[in-house]
Amino acid sequence: MDTPTGTPEELLVLLDRLGLERQEVRTTGPVYVWHTVPARLPEAERKRLATRAIPTLIAAGYQVNITPELFDEAAYHQAVHDLRTSQPRPTASLPAPSPAPTAPPRRTP
């Protein structure tokens, strides 16, 4: 997964947590950082891992592009389902109670 120069650390950590391996090349100038699917995995598992990362990244607000050869539709749908069922359900919040009405101040003659 390519990330632009200056990518926030929170995205890099998220990619780490999703099972992608961080790669880094240090130069006298910039440090280049990107993530890859682990090469030790069989091809089908690599596709699943890359595809399953998509819904989590989108939910976190990131744009994701994946080559069609790497996309696994069944893995994507399963990841969406897992993400939806693992997130806590939003609870309906009750409106704040209205303050008790106050009587107008009494005037004395």
N, C-alpha and C. Protein backbone atom coordinates (compact mmCIF):
# COMPACT_ATOMS: atom_id res chain seq x y z
N MET A 1 0.85 -1.16 0.00
CA MET A 1 0.00 0.00 0.00
C MET A 1 0.90 1.22 0.00
N ASP A 2 0.66 2.06 -0.95
CA ASP A 2 1.43 3.29 -1.02
C ASP A 2 0.76 4.35 -0.16
N THR A 3 1.57 5.10 0.53
CA THR A 3 1.08 6.22 1.32
C THR A 3 1.92 7.43 0.94
N PRO A 4 1.31 8.60 0.89
CA PRO A 4 2.08 9.78 0.50
C PRO A 4 3.09 10.18 1.57
N THR A 5 4.08 10.95 1.13
CA THR A 5 5.07 11.47 2.08
C THR A 5 4.34 12.31 3.12
N GLY A 6 4.74 12.16 4.35
CA GLY A 6 4.11 12.92 5.43
C GLY A 6 2.83 12.29 5.95
N THR A 7 2.62 11.02 5.65
CA THR A 7 1.43 10.33 6.13
C THR A 7 1.41 10.35 7.65
N PRO A 8 0.23 10.62 8.25
CA PRO A 8 0.16 10.64 9.72
C PRO A 8 0.51 9.27 10.31
N GLU A 9 1.15 9.30 11.44
CA GLU A 9 1.55 8.07 12.11
C GLU A 9 0.33 7.20 12.43
N GLU A 10 -0.81 7.81 12.71
CA GLU A 10 -2.01 7.02 13.03
C GLU A 10 -2.41 6.11 11.87
N LEU A 11 -2.24 6.56 10.64
CA LEU A 11 -2.54 5.70 9.49
C LEU A 11 -1.53 4.58 9.39
N LEU A 12 -0.27 4.90 9.59
CA LEU A 12 0.77 3.86 9.52
C LEU A 12 0.52 2.78 10.59
N VAL A 13 0.14 3.20 11.77
CA VAL A 13 -0.15 2.25 12.86
C VAL A 13 -1.38 1.42 12.51
N LEU A 14 -2.40 2.04 11.92
CA LEU A 14 -3.59 1.31 11.52
C LEU A 14 -3.23 0.24 10.48
N LEU A 15 -2.41 0.59 9.51
CA LEU A 15 -1.98 -0.39 8.51
C LEU A 15 -1.20 -1.53 9.17
N ASP A 16 -0.38 -1.21 10.17
CA ASP A 16 0.33 -2.24 10.93
C ASP A 16 -0.67 -3.18 11.59
N ARG A 17 -1.68 -2.60 12.26
CA ARG A 17 -2.67 -3.40 12.99
C ARG A 17 -3.48 -4.29 12.06
N LEU A 18 -3.66 -3.84 10.81
CA LEU A 18 -4.42 -4.63 9.85
C LEU A 18 -3.62 -5.80 9.27
N GLY A 19 -2.38 -5.93 9.69
CA GLY A 19 -1.56 -7.08 9.28
C GLY A 19 -0.61 -6.80 8.14
N LEU A 20 -0.56 -5.56 7.69
CA LEU A 20 0.37 -5.21 6.62
C LEU A 20 1.74 -4.92 7.22
N GLU A 21 2.77 -5.18 6.45
CA GLU A 21 4.13 -5.01 6.94
C GLU A 21 4.69 -3.67 6.49
N ARG A 22 5.20 -2.91 7.46
CA ARG A 22 5.77 -1.60 7.17
C ARG A 22 7.16 -1.76 6.55
N GLN A 23 7.38 -1.05 5.48
CA GLN A 23 8.68 -1.01 4.81
C GLN A 23 9.18 0.42 4.91
N GLU A 24 10.50 0.57 4.95
CA GLU A 24 11.05 1.91 5.12
C GLU A 24 12.41 2.00 4.45
N VAL A 25 12.62 3.10 3.77
CA VAL A 25 13.92 3.39 3.19
C VAL A 25 14.30 4.79 3.66
N ARG A 26 15.43 4.88 4.33
CA ARG A 26 15.92 6.17 4.80
C ARG A 26 16.96 6.69 3.81
N THR A 27 16.81 7.94 3.47
CA THR A 27 17.78 8.60 2.60
C THR A 27 18.34 9.80 3.36
N THR A 28 19.27 10.49 2.76
CA THR A 28 19.77 11.70 3.40
C THR A 28 18.69 12.77 3.41
N GLY A 29 17.69 12.60 2.59
CA GLY A 29 16.55 13.52 2.55
C GLY A 29 15.37 12.88 3.25
N PRO A 30 14.32 12.61 2.48
CA PRO A 30 13.11 12.05 3.10
C PRO A 30 13.26 10.58 3.49
N VAL A 31 12.35 10.15 4.34
CA VAL A 31 12.22 8.74 4.70
C VAL A 31 10.99 8.24 3.95
N TYR A 32 11.16 7.19 3.17
CA TYR A 32 10.05 6.63 2.41
C TYR A 32 9.47 5.46 3.18
N VAL A 33 8.15 5.50 3.40
CA VAL A 33 7.46 4.46 4.17
C VAL A 33 6.27 3.96 3.35
N TRP A 34 6.10 2.65 3.30
CA TRP A 34 4.94 2.04 2.66
C TRP A 34 4.68 0.71 3.34
N HIS A 35 3.55 0.12 3.01
CA HIS A 35 3.17 -1.17 3.58
C HIS A 35 2.96 -2.19 2.46
N THR A 36 3.25 -3.43 2.77
CA THR A 36 3.02 -4.52 1.83
C THR A 36 2.30 -5.66 2.54
N VAL A 37 1.63 -6.48 1.75
CA VAL A 37 1.09 -7.70 2.34
C VAL A 37 2.28 -8.63 2.53
N PRO A 38 2.29 -9.41 3.59
CA PRO A 38 3.43 -10.29 3.85
C PRO A 38 3.68 -11.27 2.70
N ALA A 39 4.88 -11.28 2.20
CA ALA A 39 5.25 -12.14 1.07
C ALA A 39 5.17 -13.61 1.43
N ARG A 40 5.27 -13.95 2.71
CA ARG A 40 5.27 -15.36 3.13
C ARG A 40 3.89 -16.01 3.01
N LEU A 41 2.84 -15.18 2.84
CA LEU A 41 1.48 -15.72 2.73
C LEU A 41 1.22 -16.24 1.33
N PRO A 42 0.38 -17.26 1.22
CA PRO A 42 -0.03 -17.72 -0.12
C PRO A 42 -0.80 -16.59 -0.82
N GLU A 43 -0.82 -16.62 -2.13
CA GLU A 43 -1.43 -15.55 -2.92
C GLU A 43 -2.88 -15.27 -2.53
N ALA A 44 -3.67 -16.30 -2.34
CA ALA A 44 -5.08 -16.10 -1.99
C ALA A 44 -5.21 -15.38 -0.65
N GLU A 45 -4.37 -15.72 0.30
CA GLU A 45 -4.41 -15.07 1.62
C GLU A 45 -3.93 -13.62 1.52
N ARG A 46 -2.98 -13.38 0.66
CA ARG A 46 -2.50 -12.00 0.46
C ARG A 46 -3.63 -11.13 -0.08
N LYS A 47 -4.40 -11.67 -1.04
CA LYS A 47 -5.54 -10.94 -1.59
C LYS A 47 -6.58 -10.67 -0.51
N ARG A 48 -6.87 -11.68 0.31
CA ARG A 48 -7.85 -11.51 1.38
C ARG A 48 -7.40 -10.46 2.37
N LEU A 49 -6.15 -10.49 2.77
CA LEU A 49 -5.63 -9.52 3.74
C LEU A 49 -5.73 -8.10 3.20
N ALA A 50 -5.30 -7.90 1.97
CA ALA A 50 -5.37 -6.56 1.38
C ALA A 50 -6.81 -6.09 1.25
N THR A 51 -7.69 -6.97 0.81
CA THR A 51 -9.09 -6.60 0.61
C THR A 51 -9.79 -6.34 1.93
N ARG A 52 -9.52 -7.16 2.94
CA ARG A 52 -10.18 -6.99 4.23
C ARG A 52 -9.78 -5.68 4.93
N ALA A 53 -8.68 -5.10 4.53
CA ALA A 53 -8.26 -3.82 5.12
C ALA A 53 -9.11 -2.66 4.62
N ILE A 54 -9.70 -2.80 3.46
CA ILE A 54 -10.40 -1.68 2.81
C ILE A 54 -11.53 -1.10 3.67
N PRO A 55 -12.50 -1.88 4.16
CA PRO A 55 -13.59 -1.28 4.92
C PRO A 55 -13.12 -0.52 6.17
N THR A 56 -12.13 -1.06 6.85
CA THR A 56 -11.63 -0.38 8.05
C THR A 56 -10.98 0.94 7.69
N LEU A 57 -10.23 0.97 6.61
CA LEU A 57 -9.59 2.21 6.18
C LEU A 57 -10.62 3.24 5.73
N ILE A 58 -11.63 2.80 5.01
CA ILE A 58 -12.70 3.71 4.59
C ILE A 58 -13.45 4.25 5.79
N ALA A 59 -13.76 3.37 6.74
CA ALA A 59 -14.47 3.80 7.95
C ALA A 59 -13.65 4.81 8.75
N ALA A 60 -12.32 4.72 8.64
CA ALA A 60 -11.45 5.67 9.34
C ALA A 60 -11.28 6.97 8.56
N GLY A 61 -11.89 7.04 7.37
CA GLY A 61 -11.87 8.27 6.60
C GLY A 61 -10.80 8.36 5.53
N TYR A 62 -10.19 7.24 5.19
CA TYR A 62 -9.14 7.25 4.18
C TYR A 62 -9.68 6.81 2.82
N GLN A 63 -9.05 7.28 1.77
CA GLN A 63 -9.39 6.87 0.40
C GLN A 63 -8.54 5.64 0.08
N VAL A 64 -9.17 4.64 -0.52
CA VAL A 64 -8.47 3.39 -0.82
C VAL A 64 -8.64 3.07 -2.30
N ASN A 65 -7.55 2.76 -2.96
CA ASN A 65 -7.57 2.26 -4.34
C ASN A 65 -6.87 0.91 -4.32
N ILE A 66 -7.47 -0.06 -5.00
CA ILE A 66 -6.88 -1.39 -5.06
C ILE A 66 -6.97 -1.88 -6.51
N THR A 67 -5.92 -2.54 -6.95
CA THR A 67 -5.96 -3.07 -8.31
C THR A 67 -6.95 -4.22 -8.37
N PRO A 68 -7.66 -4.36 -9.46
CA PRO A 68 -8.66 -5.42 -9.58
C PRO A 68 -8.09 -6.82 -9.34
N GLU A 69 -6.84 -7.04 -9.72
CA GLU A 69 -6.24 -8.37 -9.54
C GLU A 69 -6.05 -8.73 -8.06
N LEU A 70 -6.02 -7.72 -7.20
CA LEU A 70 -5.79 -7.96 -5.78
C LEU A 70 -7.10 -7.99 -4.99
N PHE A 71 -8.19 -7.58 -5.60
CA PHE A 71 -9.47 -7.47 -4.90
C PHE A 71 -10.18 -8.81 -4.83
N ASP A 72 -10.65 -9.16 -3.61
CA ASP A 72 -11.39 -10.40 -3.37
C ASP A 72 -12.78 -9.99 -2.87
N GLU A 73 -13.77 -10.09 -3.74
CA GLU A 73 -15.11 -9.60 -3.42
C GLU A 73 -15.71 -10.27 -2.18
N ALA A 74 -15.56 -11.57 -2.06
CA ALA A 74 -16.11 -12.28 -0.90
C ALA A 74 -15.44 -11.80 0.39
N ALA A 75 -14.15 -11.61 0.35
CA ALA A 75 -13.43 -11.12 1.54
C ALA A 75 -13.88 -9.71 1.90
N TYR A 76 -14.14 -8.90 0.88
CA TYR A 76 -14.61 -7.53 1.13
C TYR A 76 -15.95 -7.54 1.85
N HIS A 77 -16.90 -8.32 1.33
CA HIS A 77 -18.23 -8.38 1.94
C HIS A 77 -18.16 -8.93 3.37
N GLN A 78 -17.33 -9.91 3.59
CA GLN A 78 -17.17 -10.46 4.94
C GLN A 78 -16.57 -9.41 5.87
N ALA A 79 -15.60 -8.65 5.39
CA ALA A 79 -14.97 -7.62 6.23
C ALA A 79 -15.96 -6.52 6.57
N VAL A 80 -16.81 -6.14 5.62
CA VAL A 80 -17.85 -5.14 5.89
C VAL A 80 -18.79 -5.68 6.96
N HIS A 81 -19.22 -6.92 6.80
CA HIS A 81 -20.11 -7.54 7.79
C HIS A 81 -19.45 -7.58 9.16
N ASP A 82 -18.21 -8.00 9.22
CA ASP A 82 -17.49 -8.08 10.50
C ASP A 82 -17.36 -6.71 11.15
N LEU A 83 -17.07 -5.70 10.34
CA LEU A 83 -16.92 -4.34 10.86
C LEU A 83 -18.24 -3.84 11.42
N ARG A 84 -19.32 -4.09 10.71
CA ARG A 84 -20.63 -3.64 11.18
C ARG A 84 -21.07 -4.34 12.45
N THR A 85 -20.79 -5.62 12.55
CA THR A 85 -21.25 -6.36 13.73
C THR A 85 -20.32 -6.21 14.93
N SER A 86 -19.09 -5.76 14.71
CA SER A 86 -18.17 -5.62 15.83
C SER A 86 -18.22 -4.23 16.46
N GLN A 87 -18.80 -3.27 15.75
CA GLN A 87 -18.87 -1.92 16.30
C GLN A 87 -20.04 -1.83 17.24
N PRO A 88 -19.85 -1.10 18.35
CA PRO A 88 -20.98 -0.93 19.27
C PRO A 88 -22.12 -0.20 18.58
N ARG A 89 -23.30 -0.64 18.87
CA ARG A 89 -24.48 -0.01 18.29
C ARG A 89 -24.68 1.36 18.92
N PRO A 90 -24.98 2.37 18.10
CA PRO A 90 -25.25 3.67 18.70
C PRO A 90 -26.55 3.60 19.49
N THR A 91 -26.54 4.17 20.65
CA THR A 91 -27.75 4.15 21.46
C THR A 91 -28.49 5.45 21.24
N ALA A 92 -29.79 5.34 21.25
CA ALA A 92 -30.60 6.54 21.08
C ALA A 92 -30.43 7.39 22.33
N SER A 93 -30.01 8.58 22.13
CA SER A 93 -29.82 9.44 23.30
C SER A 93 -31.13 10.13 23.62
N LEU A 94 -31.44 10.16 24.85
CA LEU A 94 -32.65 10.83 25.30
C LEU A 94 -32.39 12.33 25.34
N PRO A 95 -33.40 13.12 25.01
CA PRO A 95 -33.17 14.56 25.08
C PRO A 95 -32.92 14.98 26.52
N ALA A 96 -32.14 16.01 26.68
CA ALA A 96 -31.85 16.51 28.03
C ALA A 96 -33.15 16.99 28.66
N PRO A 97 -33.32 16.74 29.94
CA PRO A 97 -34.56 17.19 30.57
C PRO A 97 -34.63 18.72 30.53
N SER A 98 -35.87 19.20 30.33
CA SER A 98 -36.07 20.65 30.32
C SER A 98 -35.94 21.17 31.74
N PRO A 99 -35.38 22.35 31.89
CA PRO A 99 -35.30 22.89 33.25
C PRO A 99 -36.72 23.15 33.77
N ALA A 100 -36.87 23.03 35.06
CA ALA A 100 -38.18 23.25 35.67
C ALA A 100 -38.58 24.71 35.45
N PRO A 101 -39.87 24.90 35.12
CA PRO A 101 -40.29 26.29 34.91
C PRO A 101 -40.13 27.08 36.20
N THR A 102 -39.76 28.31 36.04
CA THR A 102 -39.60 29.17 37.21
C THR A 102 -40.70 30.21 37.21
N ALA A 103 -41.13 30.56 38.36
CA ALA A 103 -42.17 31.58 38.49
C ALA A 103 -41.52 32.95 38.31
N PRO A 104 -42.26 33.88 37.70
CA PRO A 104 -41.67 35.21 37.54
C PRO A 104 -41.43 35.82 38.91
N PRO A 105 -40.46 36.70 39.02
CA PRO A 105 -40.17 37.31 40.32
C PRO A 105 -41.37 38.11 40.81
N ARG A 106 -41.59 38.06 42.10
CA ARG A 106 -42.72 38.78 42.71
C ARG A 106 -42.31 40.22 42.89
N ARG A 107 -43.26 41.07 42.61
CA ARG A 107 -43.01 42.50 42.82
C ARG A 107 -43.68 42.92 44.10
N THR A 108 -42.98 43.65 44.83
CA THR A 108 -43.58 44.19 46.06
C THR A 108 -43.94 45.64 45.85
N PRO A 109 -45.14 46.06 46.35
CA PRO A 109 -45.54 47.44 46.12
C PRO A 109 -44.72 48.44 46.89
